[in-house]
């Protein structure tokens, strides 16, 4: 049995080599062979690094994340180890290919040679699968996730899939949604709601949810409703953020549907009675805030609270008074998109005054740190988020006399911290651990708002399983907006 397994593993290597040869042969020519091989080597060296170091999957979703990553986030991922991978597995082999002369023959001879290579590759693939058919049958059934780790075939496939999902044959047309929306509340003071979109905050590292470290000392003192069974729509910002604001639930959402349909912010805007502002201290809104007021708070030009590491989330609160004052008599929704717990450089995500849990991992090469050091750095960032959310609540309390106030916090996704060798996030949803999908989420109401919300019943449902699918309808409910696309049963505030 052992020798059969060795034979199967050898055949698996032969099949992967033959598949790669087959793919490259189909697209190779006098003008493309060297450029294609060089590109494949350079990209494969980097994908190899990320797969080996963080155990991430380079699928179409991850490719979208990479393309939407800004320079600052990219620098957080840069390590000496990554450079060495790139040099020794990418640049040096690519240079050898560049320097190697290739003798091309006549067109007819080249076609014949190409057909021979294709035929030999097909024979090797089919022969290996035939000889070890029982092994391949069980392997394909029991170890499907392993195909995501094949390099370079899977990232090449993923690029094709990304292009197919992303680009249309014509210009993008955004379909209107909820144009019948209207605010049904006729009396009472205007509503002021701050929605905080968190970053990579997993639920099981909130002391509100029973975590042993006191990561939420300030929120524990506030009259909040903590949803301890909240789950994300995706495992990355590029997926979760547009999905959570869209009409579609996780099962029905796709990137194309997201970019070709208006979202809940558009519907609120349709009422003409609600002012909307998006402030961003992360990469961007991932297309959600394209048609509402948007302000970038990642740089000192707007954010007055920046240090040597980065601009801080609490800087997004500075100057909001002026915006609120200018929206006389109107309801207001302010969305604050946090830097939060963006990895792998967790130690940069909080000021030094929040370094409570020590020792911390002070490198972006997480595999060099102990589990405790990684966890401590991550938990200090959660502690800073706790402070930031308490500051948001304190800010809203200042408007108790003039507005009905509320704060809703919901992280975009969770984060793996080295459990079973997996780091960061972005695994395909079906195989992602709870650490990447079980997220932190809390809700706070001001005294005036409580008069219009059944807070007791809502608190009774705090242990109920919710997801980001509920956000669309909950935001509409918070502003008493009626529209044909509003589903009261999906509104968390109407239990």
Protein backbone atom coordinates (compact mmCIF):
# COMPACT_ATOMS: atom_id res chain seq x y z
CA UNK A 1 0.00 0.00 0.00
CA UNK A 2 2.86 2.36 0.81
CA UNK A 3 4.47 1.78 -2.59
CA UNK A 4 1.12 2.42 -4.28
CA UNK A 5 0.92 5.76 -2.49
CA UNK A 6 4.45 6.67 -3.56
CA UNK A 7 3.57 5.81 -7.16
CA UNK A 8 0.43 7.93 -6.92
CA UNK A 9 2.33 10.92 -5.52
CA UNK A 10 4.90 10.64 -8.30
CA UNK A 11 2.11 10.45 -10.86
CA UNK A 12 0.49 13.52 -9.30
CA UNK A 13 3.70 15.45 -9.87
CA UNK A 14 3.84 14.20 -13.46
CA UNK A 15 0.21 15.24 -14.05
CA UNK A 16 0.79 18.75 -12.70
CA UNK A 17 3.93 19.13 -14.81
CA UNK A 18 2.13 17.83 -17.90
CA UNK A 19 -0.86 20.15 -17.34
CA UNK A 20 1.44 23.16 -16.94
CA UNK A 21 3.40 22.16 -20.06
CA UNK A 22 0.18 21.69 -22.00
CA UNK A 23 -1.17 25.12 -21.02
CA UNK A 24 2.09 26.93 -21.81
CA UNK A 25 2.52 25.05 -25.10
CA UNK A 26 -0.90 26.17 -26.28
CA UNK A 27 0.04 29.85 -25.88
CA UNK A 28 3.74 29.69 -26.76
CA UNK A 29 5.25 31.05 -29.97
CA UNK A 30 8.38 32.76 -31.20
CA UNK A 31 7.15 36.04 -29.71
CA UNK A 32 5.47 34.80 -26.51
CA UNK A 33 7.50 31.90 -25.06
CA UNK A 34 10.12 33.85 -23.14
CA UNK A 35 7.83 36.67 -21.93
CA UNK A 36 5.21 34.19 -20.73
CA UNK A 37 7.72 31.98 -18.90
CA UNK A 38 9.31 35.01 -17.23
CA UNK A 39 5.93 36.37 -16.12
CA UNK A 40 4.85 32.96 -14.81
CA UNK A 41 8.08 32.57 -12.81
CA UNK A 42 7.90 36.06 -11.29
CA UNK A 43 4.24 35.76 -10.27
CA UNK A 44 4.62 32.16 -9.08
CA UNK A 45 7.51 33.12 -6.80
CA UNK A 46 5.25 35.63 -5.04
CA UNK A 47 2.20 33.37 -4.88
CA UNK A 48 4.46 30.64 -3.48
CA UNK A 49 5.61 33.00 -0.74
CA UNK A 50 2.10 33.99 0.32
CA UNK A 51 0.79 30.43 0.20
CA UNK A 52 3.72 29.09 2.21
CA UNK A 53 3.89 31.94 4.72
CA UNK A 54 0.20 32.68 5.36
CA UNK A 55 -1.56 29.63 3.86
CA UNK A 56 -3.79 31.91 1.78
CA UNK A 57 -5.49 30.86 -1.44
CA UNK A 58 -4.80 32.83 -4.62
CA UNK A 59 -8.30 32.71 -6.09
CA UNK A 60 -10.24 35.37 -8.04
CA UNK A 61 -11.35 37.04 -4.81
CA UNK A 62 -7.77 37.31 -3.58
CA UNK A 63 -6.69 38.74 -6.94
CA UNK A 64 -9.36 41.43 -6.57
CA UNK A 65 -8.03 42.18 -3.08
CA UNK A 66 -4.50 42.52 -4.45
CA UNK A 67 -5.57 44.89 -7.21
CA UNK A 68 -7.52 47.04 -4.74
CA UNK A 69 -4.69 47.18 -2.20
CA UNK A 70 -3.01 50.56 -1.83
CA UNK A 71 0.74 51.16 -1.49
CA UNK A 72 0.59 51.51 2.30
CA UNK A 73 -1.11 48.13 2.69
CA UNK A 74 1.35 46.55 0.25
CA UNK A 75 4.31 47.81 2.28
CA UNK A 76 2.85 46.15 5.38
CA UNK A 77 3.18 42.83 3.54
CA UNK A 78 6.73 43.39 2.30
CA UNK A 79 9.37 41.28 4.07
CA UNK A 80 12.96 40.19 3.49
CA UNK A 81 11.71 36.63 3.07
CA UNK A 82 9.37 37.78 0.31
CA UNK A 83 12.24 39.55 -1.45
CA UNK A 84 14.37 36.37 -1.24
CA UNK A 85 11.53 34.29 -2.71
CA UNK A 86 11.18 36.83 -5.53
CA UNK A 87 14.92 36.93 -6.25
CA UNK A 88 15.80 33.23 -6.06
CA UNK A 89 12.54 31.70 -7.35
CA UNK A 90 11.59 34.50 -9.70
CA UNK A 91 14.28 36.87 -10.95
CA UNK A 92 17.22 34.43 -11.23
CA UNK A 93 15.31 31.69 -13.12
CA UNK A 94 13.69 34.40 -15.26
CA UNK A 95 17.14 35.79 -16.09
CA UNK A 96 18.37 32.32 -17.11
CA UNK A 97 15.41 31.97 -19.44
CA UNK A 98 16.06 35.44 -20.84
CA UNK A 99 19.71 34.53 -21.57
CA UNK A 100 18.97 31.08 -22.99
CA UNK A 101 18.92 31.08 -26.81
CA UNK A 102 15.98 29.32 -28.46
CA UNK A 103 16.40 27.93 -31.97
CA UNK A 104 13.14 28.19 -33.86
CA UNK A 105 12.53 26.07 -36.95
CA UNK A 106 10.16 26.49 -39.87
CA UNK A 107 6.49 27.14 -39.16
CA UNK A 108 5.51 23.63 -40.30
CA UNK A 109 8.16 21.98 -38.13
CA UNK A 110 7.19 24.12 -35.14
CA UNK A 111 3.54 23.11 -35.46
CA UNK A 112 4.54 19.45 -35.65
CA UNK A 113 6.78 19.78 -32.57
CA UNK A 114 4.00 21.55 -30.69
CA UNK A 115 1.54 18.80 -31.54
CA UNK A 116 4.02 16.19 -30.28
CA UNK A 117 4.39 17.99 -26.94
CA UNK A 118 0.62 18.32 -26.62
CA UNK A 119 0.13 14.64 -27.45
CA UNK A 120 2.81 13.50 -24.97
CA UNK A 121 1.28 15.74 -22.26
CA UNK A 122 -2.20 14.33 -22.85
CA UNK A 123 -0.85 10.74 -22.80
CA UNK A 124 0.99 11.40 -19.51
CA UNK A 125 -2.10 12.94 -17.93
CA UNK A 126 -4.57 10.31 -19.05
CA UNK A 127 -2.11 7.44 -18.47
CA UNK A 128 -1.33 8.52 -14.91
CA UNK A 129 -4.99 8.99 -14.05
CA UNK A 130 -5.84 5.58 -15.59
CA UNK A 131 -3.05 3.73 -13.73
CA UNK A 132 -4.06 5.25 -10.39
CA UNK A 133 -7.76 5.78 -11.08
CA UNK A 134 -8.87 4.60 -7.61
CA UNK A 135 -6.46 6.98 -5.93
CA UNK A 136 -7.48 9.92 -8.12
CA UNK A 137 -11.18 9.25 -7.55
CA UNK A 138 -10.86 9.37 -3.77
CA UNK A 139 -8.31 12.17 -3.93
CA UNK A 140 -10.61 14.37 -6.02
CA UNK A 141 -13.53 13.65 -3.68
CA UNK A 142 -11.81 13.95 -0.31
CA UNK A 143 -9.16 16.61 -0.98
CA UNK A 144 -10.82 19.19 -3.22
CA UNK A 145 -9.21 22.18 -1.43
CA UNK A 146 -5.72 20.97 -2.45
CA UNK A 147 -6.34 22.07 -6.02
CA UNK A 148 -6.25 25.67 -4.75
CA UNK A 149 -2.58 25.19 -3.86
CA UNK A 150 -1.32 24.16 -7.30
CA UNK A 151 1.17 26.67 -8.61
CA UNK A 152 1.01 28.13 -11.27
CA UNK A 153 -2.11 26.46 -12.68
CA UNK A 154 -4.59 27.72 -10.07
CA UNK A 155 -3.58 31.37 -10.10
CA UNK A 156 -3.64 31.32 -13.91
CA UNK A 157 -7.16 29.86 -13.76
CA UNK A 158 -8.12 32.45 -11.11
CA UNK A 159 -6.98 35.34 -13.30
CA UNK A 160 -9.22 34.04 -16.07
CA UNK A 161 -12.09 33.72 -13.63
CA UNK A 162 -11.47 37.24 -12.27
CA UNK A 163 -11.52 38.72 -15.77
CA UNK A 164 -14.71 36.81 -16.59
CA UNK A 165 -16.43 38.07 -13.41
CA UNK A 166 -15.16 41.64 -13.57
CA UNK A 167 -15.30 42.86 -17.13
CA UNK A 168 -18.45 43.19 -19.20
CA UNK A 169 -18.73 43.47 -22.95
CA UNK A 170 -19.98 47.05 -22.61
CA UNK A 171 -20.07 49.96 -20.15
CA UNK A 172 -21.33 49.28 -16.62
CA UNK A 173 -24.95 50.34 -16.18
CA UNK A 174 -26.09 50.71 -12.58
CA UNK A 175 -29.68 49.55 -12.13
CA UNK A 176 -31.74 51.75 -9.78
CA UNK A 177 -33.03 50.06 -6.64
CA UNK A 178 -35.70 51.28 -4.23
CA UNK A 179 -36.58 54.48 -6.07
CA UNK A 180 -39.94 54.44 -4.25
CA UNK A 181 -38.18 54.90 -0.89
CA UNK A 182 -39.70 57.39 1.53
CA UNK A 183 -39.31 58.24 5.19
CA UNK A 184 -42.60 57.32 6.88
CA UNK A 185 -41.80 58.98 10.19
CA UNK A 186 -43.59 62.32 10.20
CA UNK A 187 -42.81 63.61 13.68
CA UNK A 188 -39.93 63.75 16.10
CA UNK A 189 -36.40 65.09 15.98
CA UNK A 190 -34.07 64.12 13.12
CA UNK A 191 -32.07 60.91 13.39
CA UNK A 192 -28.29 60.76 13.53
CA UNK A 193 -26.82 57.30 12.96
CA UNK A 194 -23.13 56.45 12.77
CA UNK A 195 -22.33 53.15 11.10
CA UNK A 196 -18.81 51.91 11.85
CA UNK A 197 -17.45 49.36 9.39
CA UNK A 198 -14.74 47.44 11.24
CA UNK A 199 -11.73 45.65 9.77
CA UNK A 200 -10.75 42.04 10.48
CA UNK A 201 -12.31 41.95 13.98
CA UNK A 202 -13.16 38.37 14.93
CA UNK A 203 -15.89 37.85 17.50
CA UNK A 204 -14.05 35.43 19.76
CA UNK A 205 -11.45 38.08 20.64
CA UNK A 206 -14.09 40.41 22.10
CA UNK A 207 -14.36 40.20 25.88
CA UNK A 208 -18.03 41.07 25.30
CA UNK A 209 -18.26 37.52 23.92
CA UNK A 210 -16.45 35.88 26.83
CA UNK A 211 -12.83 36.28 25.70
CA UNK A 212 -10.46 35.98 28.67
CA UNK A 213 -8.55 39.21 27.95
CA UNK A 214 -10.36 42.48 28.66
CA UNK A 215 -10.42 43.79 25.11
CA UNK A 216 -13.72 45.72 25.54
CA UNK A 217 -13.42 47.47 28.91
CA UNK A 218 -15.11 50.67 27.72
CA UNK A 219 -17.94 49.12 25.69
CA UNK A 220 -18.76 46.90 28.67
CA UNK A 221 -19.65 50.08 30.57
CA UNK A 222 -22.05 51.29 27.88
CA UNK A 223 -25.68 50.27 27.42
CA UNK A 224 -25.05 48.36 24.21
CA UNK A 225 -26.54 45.30 22.54
CA UNK A 226 -23.79 42.90 21.56
CA UNK A 227 -24.59 40.45 18.77
CA UNK A 228 -22.40 37.48 19.57
CA UNK A 229 -23.53 35.38 16.60
CA UNK A 230 -22.93 37.76 13.70
CA UNK A 231 -21.40 36.33 10.51
CA UNK A 232 -19.85 37.98 7.48
CA UNK A 233 -20.86 37.85 3.84
CA UNK A 234 -17.29 37.14 2.71
CA UNK A 235 -13.78 36.63 4.01
CA UNK A 236 -12.21 39.75 2.51
CA UNK A 237 -12.96 43.48 2.42
CA UNK A 238 -13.44 43.42 -1.36
CA UNK A 239 -16.22 40.86 -0.99
CA UNK A 240 -17.82 41.70 2.35
CA UNK A 241 -18.14 45.49 2.18
CA UNK A 242 -20.08 45.72 -1.10
CA UNK A 243 -22.06 42.60 -0.20
CA UNK A 244 -23.14 43.86 3.23
CA UNK A 245 -24.57 47.09 1.78
CA UNK A 246 -26.23 45.37 -1.20
CA UNK A 247 -29.76 44.09 -1.63
CA UNK A 248 -28.47 40.57 -2.32
CA UNK A 249 -27.75 38.02 0.38
CA UNK A 250 -24.50 36.08 0.52
CA UNK A 251 -25.79 33.15 -1.54
CA UNK A 252 -27.07 35.39 -4.32
CA UNK A 253 -24.41 38.12 -4.30
CA UNK A 254 -21.72 38.40 -6.96
CA UNK A 255 -19.22 41.09 -7.88
CA UNK A 256 -21.10 41.90 -11.09
CA UNK A 257 -24.42 42.21 -9.25
CA UNK A 258 -22.75 44.50 -6.74
CA UNK A 259 -21.39 46.94 -9.31
CA UNK A 260 -24.51 46.92 -11.50
CA UNK A 261 -27.09 47.60 -8.78
CA UNK A 262 -27.56 50.48 -6.38
CA UNK A 263 -27.03 49.73 -2.70
CA UNK A 264 -28.72 50.77 0.53
CA UNK A 265 -26.91 54.13 0.61
CA UNK A 266 -28.45 54.97 -2.76
CA UNK A 267 -31.90 54.02 -1.47
CA UNK A 268 -31.52 56.26 1.59
CA UNK A 269 -30.45 59.05 -0.75
CA UNK A 270 -33.56 58.50 -2.90
CA UNK A 271 -35.71 59.71 0.02
CA UNK A 272 -34.14 63.21 -0.32
CA UNK A 273 -34.51 63.51 3.44
CA UNK A 274 -31.34 61.72 4.55
CA UNK A 275 -27.81 63.12 4.24
CA UNK A 276 -25.05 60.53 3.84
CA UNK A 277 -21.31 60.88 4.43
CA UNK A 278 -18.66 58.15 4.09
CA UNK A 279 -15.30 58.74 5.78
CA UNK A 280 -12.61 56.19 5.02
CA UNK A 281 -9.45 55.32 6.94
CA UNK A 282 -9.08 52.00 5.09
CA UNK A 283 -8.36 51.31 1.42
CA UNK A 284 -11.67 52.71 0.07
CA UNK A 285 -15.41 51.97 0.04
CA UNK A 286 -15.06 49.17 -2.57
CA UNK A 287 -17.58 50.98 -4.75
CA UNK A 288 -20.26 51.39 -2.08
CA UNK A 289 -19.90 55.18 -1.69
CA UNK A 290 -19.49 56.11 -5.36
CA UNK A 291 -22.73 58.14 -5.40
CA UNK A 292 -22.65 59.74 -1.94
CA UNK A 293 -20.32 62.21 -0.19
CA UNK A 294 -16.94 60.57 0.36
CA UNK A 295 -13.88 61.75 2.31
CA UNK A 296 -10.47 60.06 2.44
CA UNK A 297 -9.00 60.06 5.97
CA UNK A 298 -5.87 57.98 5.29
CA UNK A 299 -3.63 61.03 4.93
CA UNK A 300 -2.82 64.07 7.12
CA UNK A 301 -4.51 66.35 4.58
CA UNK A 302 -7.87 65.39 6.15
CA UNK A 303 -6.97 63.34 9.21
CA UNK A 304 -5.48 65.47 11.98
CA UNK A 305 -4.58 62.46 14.15
CA UNK A 306 -1.68 60.81 12.33
CA UNK A 307 1.60 59.52 13.81
CA UNK A 308 4.72 57.87 12.42
CA UNK A 309 2.86 54.60 11.73
CA UNK A 310 -0.41 55.77 10.20
CA UNK A 311 -3.51 57.95 10.53
CA UNK A 312 -5.77 56.87 13.40
CA UNK A 313 -9.42 55.91 13.23
CA UNK A 314 -10.46 58.45 15.86
CA UNK A 315 -9.34 61.20 13.49
CA UNK A 316 -12.50 60.49 11.46
CA UNK A 317 -14.55 62.06 14.27
CA UNK A 318 -12.77 65.40 14.02
CA UNK A 319 -14.83 68.02 12.20
CA UNK A 320 -18.07 66.02 12.05
CA UNK A 321 -19.79 68.77 14.03
CA UNK A 322 -19.55 71.10 11.04
CA UNK A 323 -21.07 68.52 8.71
CA UNK A 324 -23.96 67.79 11.10
CA UNK A 325 -24.62 71.48 11.61
CA UNK A 326 -24.92 71.99 7.84
CA UNK A 327 -27.66 69.30 7.55
CA UNK A 328 -30.38 71.27 9.34
CA UNK A 329 -33.57 69.31 9.87
CA UNK A 330 -32.39 66.27 7.89
CA UNK A 331 -31.70 62.74 9.05
CA UNK A 332 -28.00 61.86 8.83
CA UNK A 333 -26.10 58.64 8.22
CA UNK A 334 -22.33 58.77 8.71
CA UNK A 335 -20.28 55.72 7.75
CA UNK A 336 -16.80 55.43 9.26
CA UNK A 337 -14.60 52.77 7.63
CA UNK A 338 -11.88 51.74 10.07
CA UNK A 339 -8.31 50.64 9.58
CA UNK A 340 -9.13 48.48 12.60
CA UNK A 341 -7.18 45.22 12.79
CA UNK A 342 -5.75 45.21 9.29
CA UNK A 343 -2.97 42.61 9.18
CA UNK A 344 -0.32 41.40 9.21
CA UNK A 345 1.27 44.44 10.91
CA UNK A 346 -1.14 44.46 13.84
CA UNK A 347 1.41 46.29 16.01
CA UNK A 348 0.94 49.38 13.82
CA UNK A 349 -2.83 49.47 14.29
CA UNK A 350 -2.85 51.19 17.68
CA UNK A 351 -1.00 54.00 19.49
CA UNK A 352 1.60 52.98 22.08
CA UNK A 353 -0.78 53.86 24.91
CA UNK A 354 -2.88 50.81 23.96
CA UNK A 355 -0.02 48.31 24.22
CA UNK A 356 -1.62 46.56 27.18
CA UNK A 357 -1.07 42.94 26.22
CA UNK A 358 2.60 42.01 25.95
CA UNK A 359 4.85 40.71 24.49
CA UNK A 360 3.69 41.65 20.99
CA UNK A 361 4.66 40.53 17.51
CA UNK A 362 6.52 43.52 16.02
CA UNK A 363 6.97 42.18 12.50
CA UNK A 364 4.76 41.44 9.52
CA UNK A 365 6.36 37.98 9.25
CA UNK A 366 3.84 36.35 11.55
CA UNK A 367 5.37 32.90 11.22
CA UNK A 368 8.42 34.22 13.16
CA UNK A 369 6.28 35.14 16.18
CA UNK A 370 4.72 32.96 18.83
CA UNK A 371 0.96 32.49 18.99
CA UNK A 372 0.89 34.62 22.14
CA UNK A 373 2.79 37.51 20.53
CA UNK A 374 0.50 37.55 17.49
CA UNK A 375 -2.59 37.38 19.67
CA UNK A 376 -1.36 40.18 21.94
CA UNK A 377 -0.68 42.55 19.04
CA UNK A 378 -4.07 41.72 17.54
CA UNK A 379 -5.85 42.16 20.88
CA UNK A 380 -4.24 45.56 21.44
CA UNK A 381 -5.78 46.63 18.13
CA UNK A 382 -9.18 45.35 19.35
CA UNK A 383 -8.62 47.37 22.52
CA UNK A 384 -8.08 50.48 20.40
CA UNK A 385 -11.28 49.74 18.46
CA UNK A 386 -13.07 49.50 21.81
CA UNK A 387 -11.77 52.98 22.64
CA UNK A 388 -12.74 54.32 19.20
CA UNK A 389 -16.29 52.97 19.47
CA UNK A 390 -16.65 54.45 22.96
CA UNK A 391 -15.55 57.79 21.50
CA UNK A 392 -18.22 57.47 18.80
CA UNK A 393 -20.84 56.86 21.50
CA UNK A 394 -19.53 59.82 23.52
CA UNK A 395 -19.74 61.97 20.38
CA UNK A 396 -23.36 60.93 19.76
CA UNK A 397 -24.34 61.62 23.37
CA UNK A 398 -23.51 65.24 22.67
CA UNK A 399 -26.47 65.34 20.25
CA UNK A 400 -29.04 63.81 22.59
CA UNK A 401 -30.81 67.16 22.89
CA UNK A 402 -31.35 67.62 19.17
CA UNK A 403 -31.30 64.19 17.51
CA UNK A 404 -32.37 60.59 17.89
CA UNK A 405 -28.98 58.88 17.91
CA UNK A 406 -27.64 55.39 17.29
CA UNK A 407 -24.38 53.63 16.52
CA UNK A 408 -24.07 50.35 14.65
CA UNK A 409 -20.71 48.59 14.50
CA UNK A 410 -20.07 45.62 12.23
CA UNK A 411 -16.71 44.21 11.17
CA UNK A 412 -16.23 43.32 7.51
CA UNK A 413 -14.74 39.87 8.20
CA UNK A 414 -12.65 38.03 10.78
CA UNK A 415 -9.00 36.98 10.85
CA UNK A 416 -6.91 33.84 11.28
CA UNK A 417 -4.02 34.24 13.69
CA UNK A 418 -2.00 31.13 12.95
CA UNK A 419 -4.47 28.46 14.00
CA UNK A 420 -3.58 25.32 12.04
CA UNK A 421 -0.90 27.36 10.26
CA UNK A 422 -3.45 29.74 8.66
CA UNK A 423 -2.96 33.52 8.83
CA UNK A 424 -4.88 36.63 7.76
CA UNK A 425 -8.13 36.06 5.80
CA UNK A 426 -9.50 35.53 2.31
CA UNK A 427 -9.99 31.74 2.19
CA UNK A 428 -12.92 30.57 0.04
CA UNK A 429 -16.02 30.85 2.21
CA UNK A 430 -16.87 27.14 2.21
CA UNK A 431 -13.48 26.24 3.68
CA UNK A 432 -12.88 29.32 5.84
CA UNK A 433 -12.70 28.77 9.61
CA UNK A 434 -15.08 30.58 11.96
CA UNK A 435 -12.21 32.93 12.81
CA UNK A 436 -12.61 34.50 9.35
CA UNK A 437 -16.42 34.66 9.23
CA UNK A 438 -17.60 35.10 12.86
CA UNK A 439 -17.38 38.86 13.43
CA UNK A 440 -17.78 41.48 16.12
CA UNK A 441 -20.96 43.60 16.04
CA UNK A 442 -22.65 45.93 18.53
CA UNK A 443 -25.56 48.37 18.54
CA UNK A 444 -26.11 51.41 20.77
CA UNK A 445 -29.16 53.68 21.04
CA UNK A 446 -29.48 57.15 22.51
CA UNK A 447 -32.36 57.82 24.92
CA UNK A 448 -34.58 59.47 22.30
CA UNK A 449 -34.08 56.63 19.84
CA UNK A 450 -34.95 54.06 22.50
CA UNK A 451 -38.51 55.42 22.58
CA UNK A 452 -39.00 54.16 19.02
CA UNK A 453 -37.20 50.83 19.37
CA UNK A 454 -38.26 47.76 21.36
CA UNK A 455 -34.88 47.57 23.07
CA UNK A 456 -35.91 44.85 25.52
CA UNK A 457 -37.06 42.52 22.77
CA UNK A 458 -33.97 43.39 20.75
CA UNK A 459 -31.72 42.52 23.69
CA UNK A 460 -33.46 39.18 24.04
CA UNK A 461 -32.35 38.36 20.50
CA UNK A 462 -28.69 39.25 21.00
CA UNK A 463 -27.73 35.55 20.89
CA UNK A 464 -29.67 34.94 17.68
CA UNK A 465 -27.68 34.10 14.55
CA UNK A 466 -27.48 37.15 12.28
CA UNK A 467 -25.34 38.00 9.29
CA UNK A 468 -24.36 40.95 7.14
CA UNK A 469 -27.40 40.09 5.02
CA UNK A 470 -29.41 41.87 7.72
CA UNK A 471 -27.57 45.19 7.39
CA UNK A 472 -29.38 46.40 4.25
CA UNK A 473 -32.80 46.15 5.89
CA UNK A 474 -31.60 47.28 9.32
CA UNK A 475 -30.28 50.60 7.97
CA UNK A 476 -33.61 51.20 6.23
CA UNK A 477 -35.41 50.39 9.47
CA UNK A 478 -33.26 52.74 11.55
CA UNK A 479 -34.48 55.62 9.39
CA UNK A 480 -38.09 54.39 9.08
CA UNK A 481 -37.74 54.06 5.32
CA UNK A 482 -40.44 52.19 3.44
CA UNK A 483 -39.72 50.71 0.01
CA UNK A 484 -40.70 47.60 -1.91
CA UNK A 485 -37.23 46.11 -1.32
CA UNK A 486 -37.42 46.50 2.48
CA UNK A 487 -38.00 43.24 4.36
CA UNK A 488 -39.07 43.85 7.93
CA UNK A 489 -38.20 40.27 8.89
CA UNK A 490 -34.55 40.95 7.98
CA UNK A 491 -34.42 44.16 10.03
CA UNK A 492 -32.58 43.48 13.30
CA UNK A 493 -34.29 46.45 14.99
CA UNK A 494 -37.74 44.92 14.38
CA UNK A 495 -37.49 41.64 16.29
